Amino acid sequence: MISINSLHKQLENIYLTFIKNKQRIYSIENNQKKLNNIKQIKTQFFQLLQQNSNDDSIVGKIENFNTLYYNTKRLILAQLNMSNMDVKTASALSPLVNIEETSIRDFINEIEAYHDLLNDAGKTALIKYVVKAKIKNLAQTRIADITIANFDQLVSALYTRVRAAETSESLQLKLFQAKQGRKSIAEFASDLEQIAQKLSEINIKDQNINDANGRKIVKDTINNIVLNQFKIGVHDELKQVVNASRPKTLAEALAVASASNLDNQSIFFVNKTNNYQKSGKFKKKSDNPQGKKNYEKQGNKNNNSQNPRKKYDKKQEKKVFTVDCEHCNQTSDSEEIKN
């Protein structure tokens, strides 16, 4: 049976629903339904009051009901003003799942197209909805500690906090491909330290590691990988020296390599020469017994290509032979041309 108290309770429940879920944005249909509902409750309430006009407490009940009614109506109307941003339309927006620049750009463009159609209240509601419901996974973790109230702040957060110039994957690839090359030992070690620092920061942030022990584990793991890459990436002559000392940190490995007094440029030249030798482009005589012969062949080939010899003609061959003169007993050389 409907009573004044039960109607007051129904209205109170609707009011508390909005109070307890202030951050929630309801659809236009839901808010309109609630608004019609409280109007019906008000009509029924005053109909029952006419039947209970002799009740001494009626004035106090009317005041309490009216206060509750107008507070509830205010909350619903505020939602309706915000709901110029329709939840159904907003929910159709594509979520931001990864942090690739192309994905972020497409995500922003899609939001902007709908954002520009809304009034101020609707724009605020849209950004609030997007931040809570449309940004997922790692992207959500990276903006969890900042406040985003408008579209400009959203764009700034996505490009400065979400999109990383270097991801964990790109830094790992860069680390595993690192070689000393023409760098000095100290320069190579410095490059590895910078990669390690960035990699540690990104992993700690992405995994949301807040305790000191967890941070230490991440840093120690990455430092061990960096040390191993230093031992792999230095020049061959240094590898033996560094590995033999069994360093436990990059600093120890760098100290051992530096103390070896192996000159960087001479090592690079030797390595380059060895590479030529391995490829067969250049060989020492001692390494190639037939080097002279090969060189001569190569030289003749080059000379032939630059100054080609005339075709050999047997008819022009000259032969030298000795002739004894019977009259004067003298010997002389003669040339015969074969025709």
C-alpha atoms as a PDB file:
ATOM      1  CA  MET A   1       0.000   0.000   0.000  1.00  0.00           C
ATOM      2  CA  ILE A   2       1.269   3.427  -0.972  1.00  0.00           C
ATOM      3  CA  SER A   3       1.764   5.822   1.895  1.00  0.00           C
ATOM      4  CA  ILE A   4       3.301   9.245   2.440  1.00  0.00           C
ATOM      5  CA  ASN A   5       6.296   7.629   4.106  1.00  0.00           C
ATOM      6  CA  SER A   6       6.816   5.074   1.313  1.00  0.00           C
ATOM      7  CA  LEU A   7       6.723   7.818  -1.331  1.00  0.00           C
ATOM      8  CA  HIS A   8       9.214   9.854   0.673  1.00  0.00           C
ATOM      9  CA  LYS A   9      11.433   6.756   0.847  1.00  0.00           C
ATOM     10  CA  GLN A  10      11.249   6.205  -2.920  1.00  0.00           C
ATOM     11  CA  LEU A  11      12.313   9.798  -3.536  1.00  0.00           C
ATOM     12  CA  GLU A  12      15.119   9.475  -1.002  1.00  0.00           C
ATOM     13  CA  ASN A  13      16.447   6.330  -2.732  1.00  0.00           C
ATOM     14  CA  ILE A  14      16.644   8.141  -6.079  1.00  0.00           C
ATOM     15  CA  TYR A  15      18.449  11.045  -4.443  1.00  0.00           C
ATOM     16  CA  LEU A  16      20.976   8.741  -2.740  1.00  0.00           C
ATOM     17  CA  THR A  17      21.638   6.940  -6.028  1.00  0.00           C
ATOM     18  CA  PHE A  18      22.951  10.174  -7.556  1.00  0.00           C
ATOM     19  CA  ILE A  19      24.832  11.208  -4.420  1.00  0.00           C
ATOM     20  CA  LYS A  20      26.666   7.893  -4.080  1.00  0.00           C
ATOM     21  CA  ASN A  21      27.616   7.829  -7.767  1.00  0.00           C
ATOM     22  CA  LYS A  22      28.672  11.407  -8.380  1.00  0.00           C
ATOM     23  CA  GLN A  23      31.339  10.373 -10.883  1.00  0.00           C
ATOM     24  CA  ARG A  24      28.919   8.321 -12.920  1.00  0.00           C
ATOM     25  CA  ILE A  25      27.304   9.802 -16.010  1.00  0.00           C
ATOM     26  CA  TYR A  26      23.871   8.397 -16.852  1.00  0.00           C
ATOM     27  CA  SER A  27      22.299   8.337 -20.289  1.00  0.00           C
ATOM     28  CA  ILE A  28      19.704  10.865 -21.381  1.00  0.00           C
ATOM     29  CA  GLU A  29      17.037   8.150 -21.371  1.00  0.00           C
ATOM     30  CA  ASN A  30      17.854   7.136 -17.797  1.00  0.00           C
ATOM     31  CA  ASN A  31      17.838  10.722 -16.504  1.00  0.00           C
ATOM     32  CA  GLN A  32      14.589  11.526 -18.273  1.00  0.00           C
ATOM     33  CA  LYS A  33      13.028   8.406 -16.790  1.00  0.00           C
ATOM     34  CA  LYS A  34      14.168   9.413 -13.289  1.00  0.00           C
ATOM     35  CA  LEU A  35      12.830  12.922 -13.759  1.00  0.00           C
ATOM     36  CA  ASN A  36       9.401  11.584 -14.775  1.00  0.00           C
ATOM     37  CA  ASN A  37       9.540   9.190 -11.843  1.00  0.00           C
ATOM     38  CA  ILE A  38      10.049  11.891  -9.200  1.00  0.00           C
ATOM     39  CA  LYS A  39       7.271  13.963 -10.759  1.00  0.00           C
ATOM     40  CA  GLN A  40       4.891  11.033 -10.384  1.00  0.00           C
ATOM     41  CA  ILE A  41       6.026  10.563  -6.766  1.00  0.00           C
ATOM     42  CA  LYS A  42       5.343  14.239  -6.070  1.00  0.00           C
ATOM     43  CA  THR A  43       1.837  14.007  -7.569  1.00  0.00           C
ATOM     44  CA  GLN A  44       1.002  10.932  -5.523  1.00  0.00           C
ATOM     45  CA  PHE A  45       2.471  12.518  -2.399  1.00  0.00           C
ATOM     46  CA  PHE A  46       0.227  15.579  -2.519  1.00  0.00           C
ATOM     47  CA  GLN A  47      -2.818  13.471  -3.363  1.00  0.00           C
ATOM     48  CA  LEU A  48      -2.263  11.490  -0.163  1.00  0.00           C
ATOM     49  CA  LEU A  49      -1.758  14.709   1.792  1.00  0.00           C
ATOM     50  CA  GLN A  50      -5.254  15.851   0.832  1.00  0.00           C
ATOM     51  CA  GLN A  51      -6.613  12.630   2.257  1.00  0.00           C
ATOM     52  CA  ASN A  52      -4.662  13.158   5.483  1.00  0.00           C
ATOM     53  CA  SER A  53      -5.249  16.870   5.940  1.00  0.00           C
ATOM     54  CA  ASN A  54      -5.978  16.420   9.641  1.00  0.00           C
ATOM     55  CA  ASP A  55      -2.459  15.145  10.334  1.00  0.00           C
ATOM     56  CA  ASP A  56      -0.712  17.590  12.689  1.00  0.00           C
ATOM     57  CA  SER A  57       2.732  16.812  11.249  1.00  0.00           C
ATOM     58  CA  ILE A  58       1.697  17.508   7.663  1.00  0.00           C
ATOM     59  CA  VAL A  59       3.507  20.862   7.444  1.00  0.00           C
ATOM     60  CA  GLY A  60       6.838  19.348   8.444  1.00  0.00           C
ATOM     61  CA  LYS A  61       6.344  16.452   6.003  1.00  0.00           C
ATOM     62  CA  ILE A  62       5.667  18.864   3.139  1.00  0.00           C
ATOM     63  CA  GLU A  63       8.799  20.887   3.895  1.00  0.00           C
ATOM     64  CA  ASN A  64      10.997  17.779   4.105  1.00  0.00           C
ATOM     65  CA  PHE A  65       9.526  16.328   0.927  1.00  0.00           C
ATOM     66  CA  ASN A  66       9.890  19.549  -1.061  1.00  0.00           C
ATOM     67  CA  THR A  67      13.511  19.951   0.017  1.00  0.00           C
ATOM     68  CA  LEU A  68      14.308  16.384  -0.998  1.00  0.00           C
ATOM     69  CA  TYR A  69      12.371  16.719  -4.252  1.00  0.00           C
ATOM     70  CA  TYR A  70      14.136  19.871  -5.437  1.00  0.00           C
ATOM     71  CA  ASN A  71      17.575  18.538  -4.473  1.00  0.00           C
ATOM     72  CA  THR A  72      16.886  15.359  -6.418  1.00  0.00           C
ATOM     73  CA  LYS A  73      15.534  17.264  -9.398  1.00  0.00           C
ATOM     74  CA  ARG A  74      18.616  19.511  -9.396  1.00  0.00           C
ATOM     75  CA  LEU A  75      20.916  16.505  -9.593  1.00  0.00           C
ATOM     76  CA  ILE A  76      18.927  14.983 -12.452  1.00  0.00           C
ATOM     77  CA  LEU A  77      18.845  18.239 -14.427  1.00  0.00           C
ATOM     78  CA  ALA A  78      22.592  18.612 -13.957  1.00  0.00           C
ATOM     79  CA  GLN A  79      22.986  15.149 -15.405  1.00  0.00           C
ATOM     80  CA  LEU A  80      20.716  16.044 -18.309  1.00  0.00           C
ATOM     81  CA  ASN A  81      22.798  19.129 -19.061  1.00  0.00           C
ATOM     82  CA  MET A  82      25.924  17.017 -19.025  1.00  0.00           C
ATOM     83  CA  SER A  83      24.230  14.356 -21.044  1.00  0.00           C
ATOM     84  CA  ASN A  84      24.351  16.452 -24.121  1.00  0.00           C
ATOM     85  CA  MET A  85      27.215  14.002 -24.341  1.00  0.00           C
ATOM     86  CA  ASP A  86      25.290  10.802 -24.986  1.00  0.00           C
ATOM     87  CA  VAL A  87      26.830   7.772 -23.277  1.00  0.00           C
ATOM     88  CA  LYS A  88      25.797   5.491 -26.121  1.00  0.00           C
ATOM     89  CA  THR A  89      27.645   7.656 -28.629  1.00  0.00           C
ATOM     90  CA  ALA A  90      30.669   8.015 -26.370  1.00  0.00           C
ATOM     91  CA  SER A  91      30.800   4.272 -25.713  1.00  0.00           C
ATOM     92  CA  ALA A  92      31.102   3.704 -29.460  1.00  0.00           C
ATOM     93  CA  LEU A  93      34.440   5.528 -29.489  1.00  0.00           C
ATOM     94  CA  SER A  94      37.418   3.246 -30.038  1.00  0.00           C
ATOM     95  CA  PRO A  95      39.440   2.643 -26.851  1.00  0.00           C
ATOM     96  CA  LEU A  96      43.124   3.508 -26.588  1.00  0.00           C
ATOM     97  CA  VAL A  97      44.812   0.172 -25.979  1.00  0.00           C
ATOM     98  CA  ASN A  98      48.447   0.655 -27.017  1.00  0.00           C
ATOM     99  CA  ILE A  99      50.832   3.600 -26.864  1.00  0.00           C
ATOM    100  CA  GLU A 100      51.920   3.774 -30.491  1.00  0.00           C
ATOM    101  CA  GLU A 101      51.865   7.307 -31.886  1.00  0.00           C
ATOM    102  CA  THR A 102      49.508   6.421 -34.738  1.00  0.00           C
ATOM    103  CA  SER A 103      47.010   4.887 -32.288  1.00  0.00           C
ATOM    104  CA  ILE A 104      47.135   7.953 -30.037  1.00  0.00           C
ATOM    105  CA  ARG A 105      46.654  10.306 -32.979  1.00  0.00           C
ATOM    106  CA  ASP A 106      43.643   8.347 -34.273  1.00  0.00           C
ATOM    107  CA  PHE A 107      42.183   8.231 -30.757  1.00  0.00           C
ATOM    108  CA  ILE A 108      42.496  12.021 -30.322  1.00  0.00           C
ATOM    109  CA  ASN A 109      41.005  12.742 -33.756  1.00  0.00           C
ATOM    110  CA  GLU A 110      37.978  10.566 -33.017  1.00  0.00           C
ATOM    111  CA  ILE A 111      37.345  12.241 -29.655  1.00  0.00           C
ATOM    112  CA  GLU A 112      37.854  15.727 -31.092  1.00  0.00           C
ATOM    113  CA  ALA A 113      35.247  15.140 -33.805  1.00  0.00           C
ATOM    114  CA  TYR A 114      32.584  14.410 -31.170  1.00  0.00           C
ATOM    115  CA  HIS A 115      33.956  16.889 -28.616  1.00  0.00           C
ATOM    116  CA  ASP A 116      33.451  19.848 -30.981  1.00  0.00           C
ATOM    117  CA  LEU A 117      29.707  19.093 -31.249  1.00  0.00           C
ATOM    118  CA  LEU A 118      29.088  19.434 -27.493  1.00  0.00           C
ATOM    119  CA  ASN A 119      28.450  22.364 -25.219  1.00  0.00           C
ATOM    120  CA  ASP A 120      30.788  23.090 -22.320  1.00  0.00           C
ATOM    121  CA  ALA A 121      29.065  20.751 -19.903  1.00  0.00           C
ATOM    122  CA  GLY A 122      28.983  17.987 -22.484  1.00  0.00           C
ATOM    123  CA  LYS A 123      32.676  18.452 -23.272  1.00  0.00           C
ATOM    124  CA  THR A 124      33.565  18.118 -19.595  1.00  0.00           C
ATOM    125  CA  ALA A 125      31.437  15.006 -19.324  1.00  0.00           C
ATOM    126  CA  LEU A 126      33.017  13.499 -22.426  1.00  0.00           C
ATOM    127  CA  ILE A 127      36.592  13.978 -21.184  1.00  0.00           C
ATOM    128  CA  LYS A 128      35.686  12.509 -17.794  1.00  0.00           C
ATOM    129  CA  TYR A 129      34.113   9.489 -19.490  1.00  0.00           C
ATOM    130  CA  VAL A 130      37.024   9.001 -21.894  1.00  0.00           C
ATOM    131  CA  VAL A 131      39.650   9.117 -19.128  1.00  0.00           C
ATOM    132  CA  LYS A 132      37.787   6.564 -17.025  1.00  0.00           C
ATOM    133  CA  ALA A 133      36.395   4.237 -19.658  1.00  0.00           C
ATOM    134  CA  LYS A 134      38.321   4.562 -22.917  1.00  0.00           C
ATOM    135  CA  ILE A 135      41.988   4.638 -21.941  1.00  0.00           C
ATOM    136  CA  LYS A 136      43.184   1.130 -21.198  1.00  0.00           C
ATOM    137  CA  ASN A 137      46.146  -0.930 -20.027  1.00  0.00           C
ATOM    138  CA  LEU A 138      49.561   0.762 -19.995  1.00  0.00           C
ATOM    139  CA  ALA A 139      48.143   4.086 -21.171  1.00  0.00           C
ATOM    140  CA  GLN A 140      45.820   4.208 -18.166  1.00  0.00           C
ATOM    141  CA  THR A 141      48.694   3.433 -15.787  1.00  0.00           C
ATOM    142  CA  ARG A 142      50.749   6.319 -17.138  1.00  0.00           C
ATOM    143  CA  ILE A 143      48.067   8.958 -16.482  1.00  0.00           C
ATOM    144  CA  ALA A 144      46.725   7.554 -13.204  1.00  0.00           C
ATOM    145  CA  ASP A 145      48.478  10.172 -11.062  1.00  0.00           C
ATOM    146  CA  ILE A 146      47.387  13.322 -12.939  1.00  0.00           C
ATOM    147  CA  THR A 147      44.105  15.247 -13.289  1.00  0.00           C
ATOM    148  CA  ILE A 148      42.631  15.650 -16.767  1.00  0.00           C
ATOM    149  CA  ALA A 149      39.691  18.074 -16.913  1.00  0.00           C
ATOM    150  CA  ASN A 150      39.532  19.218 -20.541  1.00  0.00           C
ATOM    151  CA  PHE A 151      40.472  18.253 -24.079  1.00  0.00           C
ATOM    152  CA  ASP A 152      43.768  20.175 -24.144  1.00  0.00           C
ATOM    153  CA  GLN A 153      44.927  18.479 -20.953  1.00  0.00           C
ATOM    154  CA  LEU A 154      43.964  15.117 -22.416  1.00  0.00           C
ATOM    155  CA  VAL A 155      46.016  15.714 -25.568  1.00  0.00           C
ATOM    156  CA  SER A 156      48.990  16.915 -23.528  1.00  0.00           C
ATOM    157  CA  ALA A 157      48.833  13.883 -21.232  1.00  0.00           C
ATOM    158  CA  LEU A 158      48.599  11.440 -24.117  1.00  0.00           C
ATOM    159  CA  TYR A 159      51.633  12.875 -25.881  1.00  0.00           C
ATOM    160  CA  THR A 160      53.836  13.614 -22.870  1.00  0.00           C
ATOM    161  CA  ARG A 161      52.888  10.829 -20.467  1.00  0.00           C
ATOM    162  CA  VAL A 162      51.439   8.008 -22.548  1.00  0.00           C
ATOM    163  CA  ARG A 163      53.408   8.133 -25.780  1.00  0.00           C
ATOM    164  CA  ALA A 164      57.015   7.258 -25.062  1.00  0.00           C
ATOM    165  CA  ALA A 165      59.758   8.300 -27.455  1.00  0.00           C
ATOM    166  CA  GLU A 166      61.388   5.009 -26.499  1.00  0.00           C
ATOM    167  CA  THR A 167      59.486   1.987 -25.276  1.00  0.00           C
ATOM    168  CA  SER A 168      60.813  -0.877 -23.217  1.00  0.00           C
ATOM    169  CA  GLU A 169      60.922  -3.034 -26.357  1.00  0.00           C
ATOM    170  CA  SER A 170      62.853  -0.469 -28.420  1.00  0.00           C
ATOM    171  CA  LEU A 171      65.387   0.065 -25.617  1.00  0.00           C
ATOM    172  CA  GLN A 172      65.924  -3.673 -25.200  1.00  0.00           C
ATOM    173  CA  LEU A 173      66.572  -4.007 -28.931  1.00  0.00           C
ATOM    174  CA  LYS A 174      68.981  -1.068 -28.795  1.00  0.00           C
ATOM    175  CA  LEU A 175      70.786  -2.675 -25.852  1.00  0.00           C
ATOM    176  CA  PHE A 176      71.180  -6.095 -27.467  1.00  0.00           C
ATOM    177  CA  GLN A 177      72.529  -4.539 -30.676  1.00  0.00           C
ATOM    178  CA  ALA A 178      75.085  -2.307 -28.906  1.00  0.00           C
ATOM    179  CA  LYS A 179      78.729  -2.720 -30.026  1.00  0.00           C
ATOM    180  CA  GLN A 180      81.879  -0.746 -29.229  1.00  0.00           C
ATOM    181  CA  GLY A 181      82.834  -0.081 -32.849  1.00  0.00           C
ATOM    182  CA  ARG A 182      84.856   3.142 -33.135  1.00  0.00           C
ATOM    183  CA  LYS A 183      83.894   4.317 -29.630  1.00  0.00           C
ATOM    184  CA  SER A 184      86.319   4.395 -26.763  1.00  0.00           C
ATOM    185  CA  ILE A 185      85.788   1.948 -23.913  1.00  0.00           C
ATOM    186  CA  ALA A 186      84.452   4.720 -21.682  1.00  0.00           C
ATOM    187  CA  GLU A 187      82.042   5.995 -24.352  1.00  0.00           C
ATOM    188  CA  PHE A 188      80.677   2.517 -24.960  1.00  0.00           C
ATOM    189  CA  ALA A 189      80.140   1.958 -21.220  1.00  0.00           C
ATOM    190  CA  SER A 190      78.450   5.370 -20.895  1.00  0.00           C
ATOM    191  CA  ASP A 191      76.015   4.550 -23.703  1.00  0.00           C
ATOM    192  CA  LEU A 192      75.072   1.294 -21.992  1.00  0.00           C
ATOM    193  CA  GLU A 193      74.547   3.078 -18.655  1.00  0.00           C
ATOM    194  CA  GLN A 194      72.146   5.555 -20.276  1.00  0.00           C
ATOM    195  CA  ILE A 195      70.133   2.747 -21.859  1.00  0.00           C
ATOM    196  CA  ALA A 196      70.023   0.927 -18.508  1.00  0.00           C
ATOM    197  CA  GLN A 197      68.735   4.003 -16.698  1.00  0.00           C
ATOM    198  CA  LYS A 198      65.950   4.647 -19.220  1.00  0.00           C
ATOM    199  CA  LEU A 199      65.002   0.974 -19.313  1.00  0.00           C
ATOM    200  CA  SER A 200      64.794   0.800 -15.524  1.00  0.00           C
ATOM    201  CA  GLU A 201      62.628   3.922 -15.285  1.00  0.00           C
ATOM    202  CA  ILE A 202      60.189   2.735 -17.952  1.00  0.00           C
ATOM    203  CA  ASN A 203      59.853  -0.772 -16.480  1.00  0.00           C
ATOM    204  CA  ILE A 204      59.320   0.545 -12.938  1.00  0.00           C
ATOM    205  CA  LYS A 205      56.700   3.004 -14.163  1.00  0.00           C
ATOM    206  CA  ASP A 206      54.899   0.593 -16.486  1.00  0.00           C
ATOM    207  CA  GLN A 207      54.764  -2.144 -13.841  1.00  0.00           C
ATOM    208  CA  ASN A 208      53.703   0.411 -11.196  1.00  0.00           C
ATOM    209  CA  ILE A 209      56.440  -0.701  -8.782  1.00  0.00           C
ATOM    210  CA  ASN A 210      56.407   1.529  -5.698  1.00  0.00           C
ATOM    211  CA  ASP A 211      58.417  -0.382  -3.089  1.00  0.00           C
ATOM    212  CA  ALA A 212      62.195   0.023  -2.820  1.00  0.00           C
ATOM    213  CA  ASN A 213      62.861  -3.712  -2.982  1.00  0.00           C
ATOM    214  CA  GLY A 214      60.926  -4.089  -6.231  1.00  0.00           C
ATOM    215  CA  ARG A 215      62.794  -1.170  -7.793  1.00  0.00           C
ATOM    216  CA  LYS A 216      66.116  -2.700  -6.743  1.00  0.00           C
ATOM    217  CA  ILE A 217      65.245  -6.028  -8.344  1.00  0.00           C
ATOM    218  CA  VAL A 218      64.405  -4.326 -11.651  1.00  0.00           C
ATOM    219  CA  LYS A 219      67.595  -2.247 -11.646  1.00  0.00           C
ATOM    220  CA  ASP A 220      69.838  -5.197 -10.672  1.00  0.00           C
ATOM    221  CA  THR A 221      68.335  -7.361 -13.427  1.00  0.00           C
ATOM    222  CA  ILE A 222      68.886  -4.694 -16.083  1.00  0.00           C
ATOM    223  CA  ASN A 223      72.415  -3.937 -14.819  1.00  0.00           C
ATOM    224  CA  ASN A 224      73.350  -7.612 -15.182  1.00  0.00           C
ATOM    225  CA  ILE A 225      72.082  -7.585 -18.766  1.00  0.00           C
ATOM    226  CA  VAL A 226      74.104  -4.424 -19.465  1.00  0.00           C
ATOM    227  CA  LEU A 227      77.257  -5.949 -17.990  1.00  0.00           C
ATOM    228  CA  ASN A 228      76.861  -9.010 -20.181  1.00  0.00           C
ATOM    229  CA  GLN A 229      76.345  -6.828 -23.259  1.00  0.00           C
ATOM    230  CA  PHE A 230      79.516  -4.874 -22.435  1.00  0.00           C
ATOM    231  CA  LYS A 231      81.504  -8.118 -22.360  1.00  0.00           C
ATOM    232  CA  ILE A 232      79.970  -9.164 -25.668  1.00  0.00           C
ATOM    233  CA  GLY A 233      80.189  -5.783 -27.392  1.00  0.00           C
ATOM    234  CA  VAL A 234      83.810  -4.755 -26.734  1.00  0.00           C
ATOM    235  CA  HIS A 235      86.561  -5.520 -29.245  1.00  0.00           C
ATOM    236  CA  ASP A 236      87.832  -9.089 -29.399  1.00  0.00           C
ATOM    237  CA  GLU A 237      91.171  -8.255 -27.725  1.00  0.00           C
ATOM    238  CA  LEU A 238      89.318  -6.762 -24.761  1.00  0.00           C
ATOM    239  CA  LYS A 239      86.844  -9.619 -24.383  1.00  0.00           C
ATOM    240  CA  GLN A 240      89.531 -11.995 -23.134  1.00  0.00           C
ATOM    241  CA  VAL A 241      90.848  -9.454 -20.641  1.00  0.00           C
ATOM    242  CA  VAL A 242      87.400  -8.507 -19.290  1.00  0.00           C
ATOM    243  CA  ASN A 243      86.005 -12.040 -19.101  1.00  0.00           C
ATOM    244  CA  ALA A 244      89.125 -13.308 -17.344  1.00  0.00           C
ATOM    245  CA  SER A 245      88.620 -10.796 -14.509  1.00  0.00           C
ATOM    246  CA  ARG A 246      85.000 -11.921 -13.951  1.00  0.00           C
ATOM    247  CA  PRO A 247      83.617  -8.454 -13.126  1.00  0.00           C
ATOM    248  CA  LYS A 248      80.391  -8.197 -11.136  1.00  0.00           C
ATOM    249  CA  THR A 249      79.435  -4.697 -12.280  1.00  0.00           C
ATOM    250  CA  LEU A 250      79.827  -2.535 -15.362  1.00  0.00           C
ATOM    251  CA  ALA A 251      82.143  -0.222 -13.397  1.00  0.00           C
ATOM    252  CA  GLU A 252      84.489  -3.129 -12.621  1.00  0.00           C
ATOM    253  CA  ALA A 253      84.481  -4.270 -16.244  1.00  0.00           C
ATOM    254  CA  LEU A 254      85.234  -0.736 -17.431  1.00  0.00           C
ATOM    255  CA  ALA A 255      88.126  -0.422 -14.945  1.00  0.00           C
ATOM    256  CA  VAL A 256      89.677  -3.692 -16.126  1.00  0.00           C
ATOM    257  CA  ALA A 257      89.305  -2.771 -19.795  1.00  0.00           C
ATOM    258  CA  SER A 258      90.776   0.691 -19.244  1.00  0.00           C
ATOM    259  CA  ALA A 259      93.740  -0.714 -17.287  1.00  0.00           C
ATOM    260  CA  SER A 260      94.606  -3.058 -20.152  1.00  0.00           C
ATOM    261  CA  ASN A 261      96.192  -0.117 -22.063  1.00  0.00           C
ATOM    262  CA  LEU A 262      94.882  -1.475 -25.342  1.00  0.00           C
ATOM    263  CA  ASP A 263      94.538   1.479 -27.688  1.00  0.00           C
ATOM    264  CA  ASN A 264      91.102   1.807 -29.173  1.00  0.00           C
ATOM    265  CA  GLN A 265      92.161   2.973 -32.631  1.00  0.00           C
ATOM    266  CA  SER A 266      94.879   0.343 -33.054  1.00  0.00           C
ATOM    267  CA  ILE A 267      92.418  -2.333 -32.015  1.00  0.00           C
ATOM    268  CA  PHE A 268      89.908  -1.059 -34.538  1.00  0.00           C
ATOM    269  CA  PHE A 269      92.565  -1.095 -37.267  1.00  0.00           C
ATOM    270  CA  VAL A 270      93.621  -4.638 -36.397  1.00  0.00           C
ATOM    271  CA  ASN A 271      90.024  -5.810 -36.368  1.00  0.00           C
ATOM    272  CA  LYS A 272      89.407  -4.109 -39.683  1.00  0.00           C
ATOM    273  CA  THR A 273      92.496  -5.742 -41.184  1.00  0.00           C
ATOM    274  CA  ASN A 274      91.418  -9.123 -39.837  1.00  0.00           C
ATOM    275  CA  ASN A 275      88.022  -8.646 -41.410  1.00  0.00           C
ATOM    276  CA  TYR A 276      89.683  -7.953 -44.764  1.00  0.00           C
ATOM    277  CA  GLN A 277      91.803 -11.056 -44.351  1.00  0.00           C
ATOM    278  CA  LYS A 278      88.765 -13.162 -43.562  1.00  0.00           C
ATOM    279  CA  SER A 279      86.953 -11.823 -46.603  1.00  0.00           C
ATOM    280  CA  GLY A 280      89.956 -12.526 -48.889  1.00  0.00           C
ATOM    281  CA  LYS A 281      90.242  -8.910 -50.006  1.00  0.00           C
ATOM    282  CA  PHE A 282      93.682  -8.523 -48.428  1.00  0.00           C
ATOM    283  CA  LYS A 283      96.255 -11.120 -47.316  1.00  0.00           C
ATOM    284  CA  LYS A 284      99.828 -11.018 -46.102  1.00  0.00           C
ATOM    285  CA  LYS A 285     102.504 -13.061 -47.912  1.00  0.00           C
ATOM    286  CA  SER A 286     103.117 -15.190 -44.835  1.00  0.00           C
ATOM    287  CA  ASP A 287      99.448 -16.074 -44.686  1.00  0.00           C
ATOM    288  CA  ASN A 288      99.283 -16.953 -48.364  1.00  0.00           C
ATOM    289  CA  PRO A 289     102.199 -18.873 -49.925  1.00  0.00           C
ATOM    290  CA  GLN A 290     100.763 -18.314 -53.368  1.00  0.00           C
ATOM    291  CA  GLY A 291     100.181 -14.660 -52.682  1.00  0.00           C
ATOM    292  CA  LYS A 292     102.905 -13.492 -55.034  1.00  0.00           C
ATOM    293  CA  LYS A 293     101.632 -15.672 -57.814  1.00  0.00           C
ATOM    294  CA  ASN A 294      98.074 -14.531 -57.231  1.00  0.00           C
ATOM    295  CA  TYR A 295      99.199 -10.935 -57.029  1.00  0.00           C
ATOM    296  CA  GLU A 296     101.103 -11.248 -60.314  1.00  0.00           C
ATOM    297  CA  LYS A 297      98.089 -12.819 -61.952  1.00  0.00           C
ATOM    298  CA  GLN A 298      95.902 -10.080 -60.625  1.00  0.00           C
ATOM    299  CA  GLY A 299      98.414  -7.478 -61.764  1.00  0.00           C
ATOM    300  CA  ASN A 300      98.659  -8.937 -65.222  1.00  0.00           C
ATOM    301  CA  LYS A 301      94.911  -9.059 -65.409  1.00  0.00           C
ATOM    302  CA  ASN A 302      94.692  -5.415 -64.465  1.00  0.00           C
ATOM    303  CA  ASN A 303      97.405  -4.456 -66.936  1.00  0.00           C
ATOM    304  CA  ASN A 304      95.690  -6.404 -69.664  1.00  0.00           C
ATOM    305  CA  SER A 305      92.473  -4.613 -68.992  1.00  0.00           C
ATOM    306  CA  GLN A 306      94.207  -1.233 -69.205  1.00  0.00           C
ATOM    307  CA  ASN A 307      96.791  -1.984 -71.975  1.00  0.00           C
ATOM    308  CA  PRO A 308      95.582  -5.010 -73.909  1.00  0.00           C
ATOM    309  CA  ARG A 309      98.375  -6.860 -75.787  1.00  0.00           C
ATOM    310  CA  LYS A 310      98.222  -7.336 -79.514  1.00  0.00           C
ATOM    311  CA  LYS A 311      97.139 -10.678 -80.777  1.00  0.00           C
ATOM    312  CA  TYR A 312     100.061 -13.109 -81.020  1.00  0.00           C
ATOM    313  CA  ASP A 313     101.088 -13.846 -84.610  1.00  0.00           C
ATOM    314  CA  LYS A 314     103.194 -16.961 -85.225  1.00  0.00           C
ATOM    315  CA  LYS A 315     104.193 -15.704 -88.626  1.00  0.00           C
ATOM    316  CA  GLN A 316     106.164 -12.887 -87.033  1.00  0.00           C
ATOM    317  CA  GLU A 317     108.109 -15.171 -84.665  1.00  0.00           C
ATOM    318  CA  LYS A 318     111.862 -14.612 -84.769  1.00  0.00           C
ATOM    319  CA  LYS A 319     114.412 -17.340 -84.107  1.00  0.00           C
ATOM    320  CA  VAL A 320     118.149 -16.734 -83.341  1.00  0.00           C
ATOM    321  CA  PHE A 321     120.652 -19.432 -84.408  1.00  0.00           C
ATOM    322  CA  THR A 322     124.447 -19.765 -84.908  1.00  0.00           C
ATOM    323  CA  VAL A 323     126.178 -20.004 -88.309  1.00  0.00           C
ATOM    324  CA  ASP A 324     129.771 -21.167 -88.867  1.00  0.00           C
ATOM    325  CA  CYS A 325     131.523 -19.636 -91.886  1.00  0.00           C
ATOM    326  CA  GLU A 326     133.556 -22.192 -93.843  1.00  0.00           C
ATOM    327  CA  HIS A 327     135.788 -19.571 -95.484  1.00  0.00           C
ATOM    328  CA  CYS A 328     136.835 -17.415 -92.514  1.00  0.00           C
ATOM    329  CA  ASN A 329     136.256 -19.852 -89.640  1.00  0.00           C
ATOM    330  CA  GLN A 330     134.145 -17.208 -87.746  1.00  0.00           C
ATOM    331  CA  THR A 331     130.907 -17.669 -85.897  1.00  0.00           C
ATOM    332  CA  SER A 332     127.954 -15.203 -86.047  1.00  0.00           C
ATOM    333  CA  ASP A 333     124.356 -14.991 -84.865  1.00  0.00           C
ATOM    334  CA  SER A 334     121.560 -14.720 -87.361  1.00  0.00           C
ATOM    335  CA  GLU A 335     117.805 -14.181 -87.126  1.00  0.00           C
ATOM    336  CA  GLU A 336     115.316 -16.068 -89.151  1.00  0.00           C
ATOM    337  CA  ILE A 337     111.758 -14.953 -89.557  1.00  0.00           C
ATOM    338  CA  LYS A 338     109.362 -17.781 -90.090  1.00  0.00           C
ATOM    339  CA  ASN A 339     106.763 -17.078 -92.686  1.00  0.00           C
END
